[in-house]
Amino acid sequence: MNIELFRMINDAGKEFGALNPVMVIIANNAIYLLAAAVLVYLFSRNQRNRLMVVSGLTALLLAEIAGKIAGMLHSNHQPFARLPDVNQLIEMEVNNSFPSDHTIIFFTMAVTFWLFKRKHTYLWILLAGMVGFSRIWAGVHYPADILVGAILGSGFAYLGYRVISTINLFNKNKSTGKEMKNL
């Protein structure tokens, strides 16, 4: 089923070749847009934005560690290295494609943005899905690589949100601010 779904998506690149450059841009360069957003939030004057970035980056670190462990338990080479006639749009070295690091990164940060902000941040989740889809389209990941990356990223984003947002170190400013107003 994993290979069949991969073939359906990847073969679409042969049929709809005009979309290939767009898919490559999304697959390779959307990460820079995400990095820029993280930097904007980090250097904003809003304490909640900074808390969101700390939560997301902590979750990302844990999700990547979990992804490396999952990769040691289940290893497979990219589709272009194993299957014939793959529409490979991105040149890369052959290594373990399970789970997708790009998908882990995007889903961790996108779900973190959504948990903290809610308003309009679902667009980040949509972009995360597009990144995963484009990685299949480009021939560098199987659907299972993407699915596991999305699950790990989303799960650790939720865990990070639940844990980081409740740590008193970050909530000190709120109580200090109230005390300052009472003086």
Protein backbone atom coordinates (compact mmCIF):
# COMPACT_ATOMS: atom_id res chain seq x y z
CA MET A 1 0.00 0.00 0.00
CA ASN A 2 2.88 2.36 0.83
CA ILE A 3 4.46 1.79 -2.59
CA GLU A 4 1.11 2.01 -4.40
CA LEU A 5 0.29 5.37 -2.80
CA PHE A 6 3.82 6.57 -3.50
CA ARG A 7 3.41 5.60 -7.17
CA MET A 8 0.08 7.43 -7.43
CA ILE A 9 1.53 10.68 -6.09
CA ASN A 10 4.96 10.45 -7.71
CA ASP A 11 3.58 9.46 -11.12
CA ALA A 12 1.38 12.56 -11.05
CA GLY A 13 4.62 14.50 -11.52
CA LYS A 14 5.04 12.78 -14.88
CA GLU A 15 1.52 13.62 -15.93
CA PHE A 16 1.43 17.18 -14.55
CA GLY A 17 5.04 18.19 -15.18
CA ALA A 18 4.21 21.90 -15.02
CA LEU A 19 3.76 21.49 -11.25
CA ASN A 20 7.20 19.94 -10.74
CA PRO A 21 9.08 23.25 -10.23
CA VAL A 22 6.48 24.35 -7.65
CA MET A 23 6.78 21.03 -5.83
CA VAL A 24 10.57 21.30 -5.75
CA ILE A 25 10.37 24.82 -4.33
CA ILE A 26 7.97 23.66 -1.62
CA ALA A 27 9.99 20.51 -0.88
CA ASN A 28 13.34 22.28 -0.65
CA ASN A 29 12.74 25.94 0.17
CA ALA A 30 9.66 26.20 2.39
CA ILE A 31 11.98 25.43 5.29
CA TYR A 32 13.48 28.93 4.90
CA LEU A 33 10.05 30.50 5.28
CA LEU A 34 9.53 28.50 8.46
CA ALA A 35 12.96 29.53 9.79
CA ALA A 36 12.17 33.18 9.07
CA ALA A 37 8.86 32.91 10.94
CA VAL A 38 10.60 31.32 13.93
CA LEU A 39 13.13 34.17 14.01
CA VAL A 40 10.41 36.82 13.75
CA TYR A 41 8.50 35.25 16.64
CA LEU A 42 11.69 34.78 18.67
CA PHE A 43 12.78 38.39 18.34
CA SER A 44 9.34 39.90 18.77
CA ARG A 45 8.63 41.80 21.96
CA ASN A 46 5.77 39.47 22.79
CA GLN A 47 6.69 37.08 25.63
CA ARG A 48 4.08 34.53 24.49
CA ASN A 49 5.72 34.39 21.03
CA ARG A 50 9.06 33.67 22.64
CA LEU A 51 7.47 31.01 24.81
CA MET A 52 5.96 29.51 21.66
CA VAL A 53 9.39 29.33 19.98
CA VAL A 54 11.01 27.78 23.07
CA SER A 55 8.20 25.23 23.21
CA GLY A 56 8.49 24.48 19.49
CA LEU A 57 12.25 24.13 19.47
CA THR A 58 12.22 21.92 22.57
CA ALA A 59 9.54 19.75 20.97
CA LEU A 60 11.52 19.69 17.73
CA LEU A 61 14.65 18.45 19.48
CA LEU A 62 12.68 15.65 21.16
CA ALA A 63 10.82 14.78 17.95
CA GLU A 64 14.09 14.55 16.01
CA ILE A 65 15.58 12.26 18.68
CA ALA A 66 12.47 10.08 18.50
CA GLY A 67 12.74 10.14 14.70
CA LYS A 68 16.36 8.94 14.83
CA ILE A 69 15.34 6.13 17.17
CA ALA A 70 12.47 5.19 14.85
CA GLY A 71 14.93 5.24 11.95
CA MET A 72 17.17 2.77 13.79
CA LEU A 73 14.19 0.45 14.35
CA HIS A 74 12.94 0.68 10.76
CA SER A 75 15.27 1.57 7.93
CA ASN A 76 14.56 2.00 4.25
CA HIS A 77 16.26 3.85 1.44
CA GLN A 78 14.50 6.57 -0.51
CA PRO A 79 12.13 5.46 -3.25
CA PHE A 80 14.47 6.67 -6.01
CA ALA A 81 17.11 4.23 -4.71
CA ARG A 82 14.82 1.21 -4.48
CA LEU A 83 12.15 1.51 -7.14
CA PRO A 84 12.49 1.71 -10.90
CA ASP A 85 11.16 4.64 -12.93
CA VAL A 86 10.79 7.11 -10.06
CA ASN A 87 10.20 10.75 -10.97
CA GLN A 88 13.15 12.01 -8.89
CA LEU A 89 13.13 15.80 -8.82
CA ILE A 90 15.63 16.36 -6.00
CA GLU A 91 19.21 15.10 -6.08
CA MET A 92 20.38 13.69 -2.78
CA GLU A 93 22.54 10.94 -1.33
CA VAL A 94 20.98 7.59 -0.60
CA ASN A 95 20.29 7.08 3.09
CA ASN A 96 17.45 6.15 5.44
CA SER A 97 14.30 8.04 4.51
CA PHE A 98 12.29 6.96 7.56
CA PRO A 99 10.87 9.16 9.00
CA SER A 100 10.98 12.41 7.03
CA ASP A 101 13.00 15.08 8.84
CA HIS A 102 11.39 17.87 6.81
CA THR A 103 7.96 16.65 7.88
CA ILE A 104 8.99 16.35 11.53
CA ILE A 105 10.33 19.91 11.48
CA PHE A 106 7.30 21.39 9.74
CA PHE A 107 4.64 19.59 11.75
CA THR A 108 6.38 20.27 15.06
CA MET A 109 6.56 24.00 14.45
CA ALA A 110 3.20 24.30 12.63
CA VAL A 111 1.27 22.50 15.35
CA THR A 112 3.11 24.54 17.99
CA PHE A 113 2.10 27.76 16.20
CA TRP A 114 -1.48 26.52 16.05
CA LEU A 115 -1.61 25.51 19.72
CA PHE A 116 -0.33 28.88 20.89
CA LYS A 117 -2.02 31.20 18.42
CA ARG A 118 -4.97 29.36 16.79
CA LYS A 119 -5.95 32.30 14.57
CA HIS A 120 -4.81 31.78 10.95
CA THR A 121 -2.00 29.45 11.98
CA TYR A 122 -3.81 26.51 10.40
CA LEU A 123 -2.13 27.80 7.24
CA TRP A 124 1.17 26.57 8.68
CA ILE A 125 -0.35 23.10 9.11
CA LEU A 126 -1.56 23.25 5.51
CA LEU A 127 1.98 24.19 4.42
CA ALA A 128 3.40 21.32 6.50
CA GLY A 129 1.07 18.93 4.68
CA MET A 130 2.14 20.42 1.34
CA VAL A 131 5.81 19.92 2.25
CA GLY A 132 5.18 16.27 3.06
CA PHE A 133 3.18 15.77 -0.13
CA SER A 134 5.85 17.50 -2.22
CA ARG A 135 8.56 15.22 -0.79
CA ILE A 136 6.60 12.22 -2.10
CA TRP A 137 5.96 13.98 -5.42
CA ALA A 138 9.70 14.65 -5.74
CA GLY A 139 10.53 10.97 -5.19
CA VAL A 140 12.50 11.27 -1.96
CA HIS A 141 10.01 9.85 0.59
CA TYR A 142 7.34 7.20 0.92
CA PRO A 143 3.93 8.14 2.37
CA ALA A 144 4.76 6.20 5.56
CA ASP A 145 7.87 8.37 6.03
CA ILE A 146 5.65 11.43 5.87
CA LEU A 147 2.90 10.01 8.09
CA VAL A 148 5.31 9.01 10.86
CA GLY A 149 7.09 12.38 10.61
CA ALA A 150 3.73 14.18 10.94
CA ILE A 151 2.70 12.04 13.92
CA LEU A 152 6.02 12.55 15.72
CA GLY A 153 6.07 16.29 15.03
CA SER A 154 2.45 16.81 16.07
CA GLY A 155 2.73 14.62 19.15
CA PHE A 156 5.85 16.30 20.46
CA ALA A 157 4.43 19.75 19.65
CA TYR A 158 1.43 18.96 21.83
CA LEU A 159 3.66 17.57 24.58
CA GLY A 160 5.89 20.65 24.41
CA TYR A 161 2.86 22.94 24.58
CA ARG A 162 1.47 21.14 27.63
CA VAL A 163 4.79 21.08 29.50
CA ILE A 164 6.58 24.30 28.51
CA SER A 165 3.57 26.58 28.83
CA THR A 166 3.06 25.50 32.45
CA ILE A 167 6.63 25.99 33.69
CA ASN A 168 6.69 28.73 36.35
CA LEU A 169 9.94 30.16 34.98
CA PHE A 170 8.00 31.50 32.01
CA ASN A 171 4.95 32.47 34.04
CA LYS A 172 6.97 34.59 36.53
CA ASN A 173 6.58 37.71 34.41
CA LYS A 174 2.80 37.49 34.63
CA SER A 175 2.77 37.44 38.44
CA THR A 176 5.53 40.05 38.64
CA GLY A 177 3.54 42.30 36.31
CA LYS A 178 0.45 42.05 38.54
CA GLU A 179 2.52 42.75 41.63
CA MET A 180 4.04 45.82 39.95
CA LYS A 181 0.59 47.19 39.13
CA ASN A 182 -0.48 46.81 42.78
CA LEU A 183 2.50 48.87 43.98
